[in-house]
Amino acid sequence: MNILFIGLGGFLGAISRYLLNEVVIKYIPINFPTGILIVNILGCLVIGLFLGNSIISKDYMYYFFGIGFLGSFTTMSAFSYQAIELFNTNILIACSYIILTLTLTILATYIGINFSK
């Protein structure tokens, strides 16, 4: 049943990301990925509000909203939450995680684009 909640939340999150990005592009027509930046910031704010510092029960809302909706709305929210969790235990590992994630994902995208040409 959890898979169903994740799938439904993911479906709605992906559509929401697309629609919000399109609205921003329409009303803020500049040559900068403002829509995705707003999506990432909003997703990070919402996952912070949703998860907070408390231990939440892994009920249907956790799977639907936390993993499904926010996970597909922006993976940046999951990345940010994991970074905060790491900061709470080991700052060096947290910084390494952030640097490696940003560097390697951008590098992987660059390689993928050039490989596909």
Protein backbone atom coordinates (compact mmCIF):
# COMPACT_ATOMS: atom_id res chain seq x y z
CA MET A 1 0.00 0.00 0.00
CA ASN A 2 2.92 2.36 0.70
CA ILE A 3 4.05 2.02 -2.90
CA LEU A 4 0.62 3.22 -4.03
CA PHE A 5 0.84 6.29 -1.78
CA ILE A 6 4.36 7.06 -3.06
CA GLY A 7 3.26 6.65 -6.68
CA LEU A 8 0.20 8.87 -6.31
CA GLY A 9 2.21 11.54 -4.47
CA GLY A 10 4.97 11.31 -7.06
CA PHE A 11 2.48 11.72 -9.89
CA LEU A 12 1.04 14.87 -8.31
CA GLY A 13 4.45 16.24 -7.32
CA ALA A 14 5.89 15.93 -10.81
CA ILE A 15 2.86 17.63 -12.34
CA SER A 16 3.04 20.40 -9.73
CA ARG A 17 6.73 20.99 -10.48
CA TYR A 18 6.01 21.26 -14.19
CA LEU A 19 3.04 23.60 -13.76
CA LEU A 20 4.78 25.90 -11.28
CA ASN A 21 7.84 26.11 -13.52
CA GLU A 22 5.65 26.96 -16.53
CA VAL A 23 3.81 29.70 -14.61
CA VAL A 24 7.09 31.27 -13.51
CA ILE A 25 8.49 31.13 -17.06
CA LYS A 26 5.35 32.83 -18.35
CA TYR A 27 5.38 35.66 -15.82
CA ILE A 28 9.14 36.06 -15.30
CA PRO A 29 10.56 35.64 -18.81
CA ILE A 30 14.29 35.96 -18.12
CA ASN A 31 17.18 33.80 -19.22
CA PHE A 32 17.65 32.14 -15.84
CA PRO A 33 16.09 28.94 -14.41
CA THR A 34 13.96 30.91 -11.96
CA GLY A 35 11.13 28.39 -12.02
CA ILE A 36 13.30 25.46 -10.95
CA LEU A 37 15.07 27.64 -8.38
CA ILE A 38 11.69 28.53 -6.86
CA VAL A 39 10.61 24.88 -6.96
CA ASN A 40 13.78 23.81 -5.16
CA ILE A 41 13.52 26.52 -2.51
CA LEU A 42 9.82 25.86 -1.95
CA GLY A 43 10.35 22.10 -1.80
CA CYS A 44 13.14 22.51 0.74
CA LEU A 45 11.01 24.83 2.87
CA VAL A 46 8.07 22.44 2.78
CA ILE A 47 10.11 19.33 3.61
CA GLY A 48 11.64 21.25 6.51
CA LEU A 49 8.18 22.20 7.75
CA PHE A 50 6.87 18.68 7.18
CA LEU A 51 9.70 16.75 8.76
CA GLY A 52 11.07 19.33 11.16
CA ASN A 53 13.26 18.11 13.97
CA SER A 54 10.71 15.67 15.30
CA ILE A 55 10.49 12.00 14.53
CA ILE A 56 7.39 11.51 12.43
CA SER A 57 5.54 8.28 12.10
CA LYS A 58 5.84 6.57 8.77
CA ASP A 59 2.13 6.67 8.05
CA TYR A 60 0.39 7.19 4.71
CA MET A 61 1.12 10.95 4.77
CA TYR A 62 4.84 10.30 5.13
CA TYR A 63 4.82 8.06 2.05
CA PHE A 64 2.36 10.15 0.03
CA PHE A 65 3.65 13.62 0.81
CA GLY A 66 7.19 13.26 2.18
CA ILE A 67 8.51 10.66 -0.21
CA GLY A 68 6.09 10.75 -3.14
CA PHE A 69 4.99 14.35 -3.62
CA LEU A 70 8.08 16.16 -2.36
CA GLY A 71 10.40 13.53 -3.77
CA SER A 72 9.16 14.16 -7.27
CA PHE A 73 8.39 17.86 -6.80
CA THR A 74 12.10 18.35 -6.11
CA THR A 75 14.86 15.95 -5.26
CA MET A 76 16.61 18.98 -3.81
CA SER A 77 14.34 18.69 -0.78
CA ALA A 78 15.57 15.15 -0.06
CA PHE A 79 19.18 16.23 -0.62
CA SER A 80 18.79 19.20 1.73
CA TYR A 81 17.14 17.15 4.44
CA GLN A 82 19.91 14.54 4.28
CA ALA A 83 22.54 17.30 4.47
CA ILE A 84 20.89 18.72 7.62
CA GLU A 85 20.79 15.26 9.17
CA LEU A 86 24.49 14.84 8.43
CA PHE A 87 25.28 18.30 9.87
CA ASN A 88 23.66 17.15 13.11
CA THR A 89 26.10 14.25 13.39
CA ASN A 90 29.28 15.11 11.47
CA ILE A 91 30.02 18.45 9.82
CA LEU A 92 32.93 17.09 7.78
CA ILE A 93 30.82 14.31 6.28
CA ALA A 94 27.99 16.79 5.63
CA CYS A 95 30.30 19.17 3.76
CA SER A 96 31.80 16.28 1.81
CA TYR A 97 28.32 15.05 0.88
CA ILE A 98 27.27 18.50 -0.34
CA ILE A 99 30.44 19.10 -2.35
CA LEU A 100 30.44 15.61 -3.86
CA THR A 101 26.74 15.73 -4.71
CA LEU A 102 26.90 19.10 -6.44
CA THR A 103 30.17 18.42 -8.22
CA LEU A 104 29.46 14.87 -9.34
CA THR A 105 25.87 15.44 -10.41
CA ILE A 106 26.84 18.43 -12.53
CA LEU A 107 29.77 16.47 -13.95
CA ALA A 108 27.53 13.47 -14.67
CA THR A 109 25.03 15.71 -16.46
CA TYR A 110 27.84 17.26 -18.52
CA ILE A 111 29.20 13.82 -19.43
CA GLY A 112 25.72 12.56 -20.29
CA ILE A 113 25.01 15.52 -22.56
CA ASN A 114 28.33 15.19 -24.37
CA PHE A 115 28.10 11.41 -24.60
CA SER A 116 24.68 11.63 -26.23
CA LYS A 117 25.82 14.04 -28.98
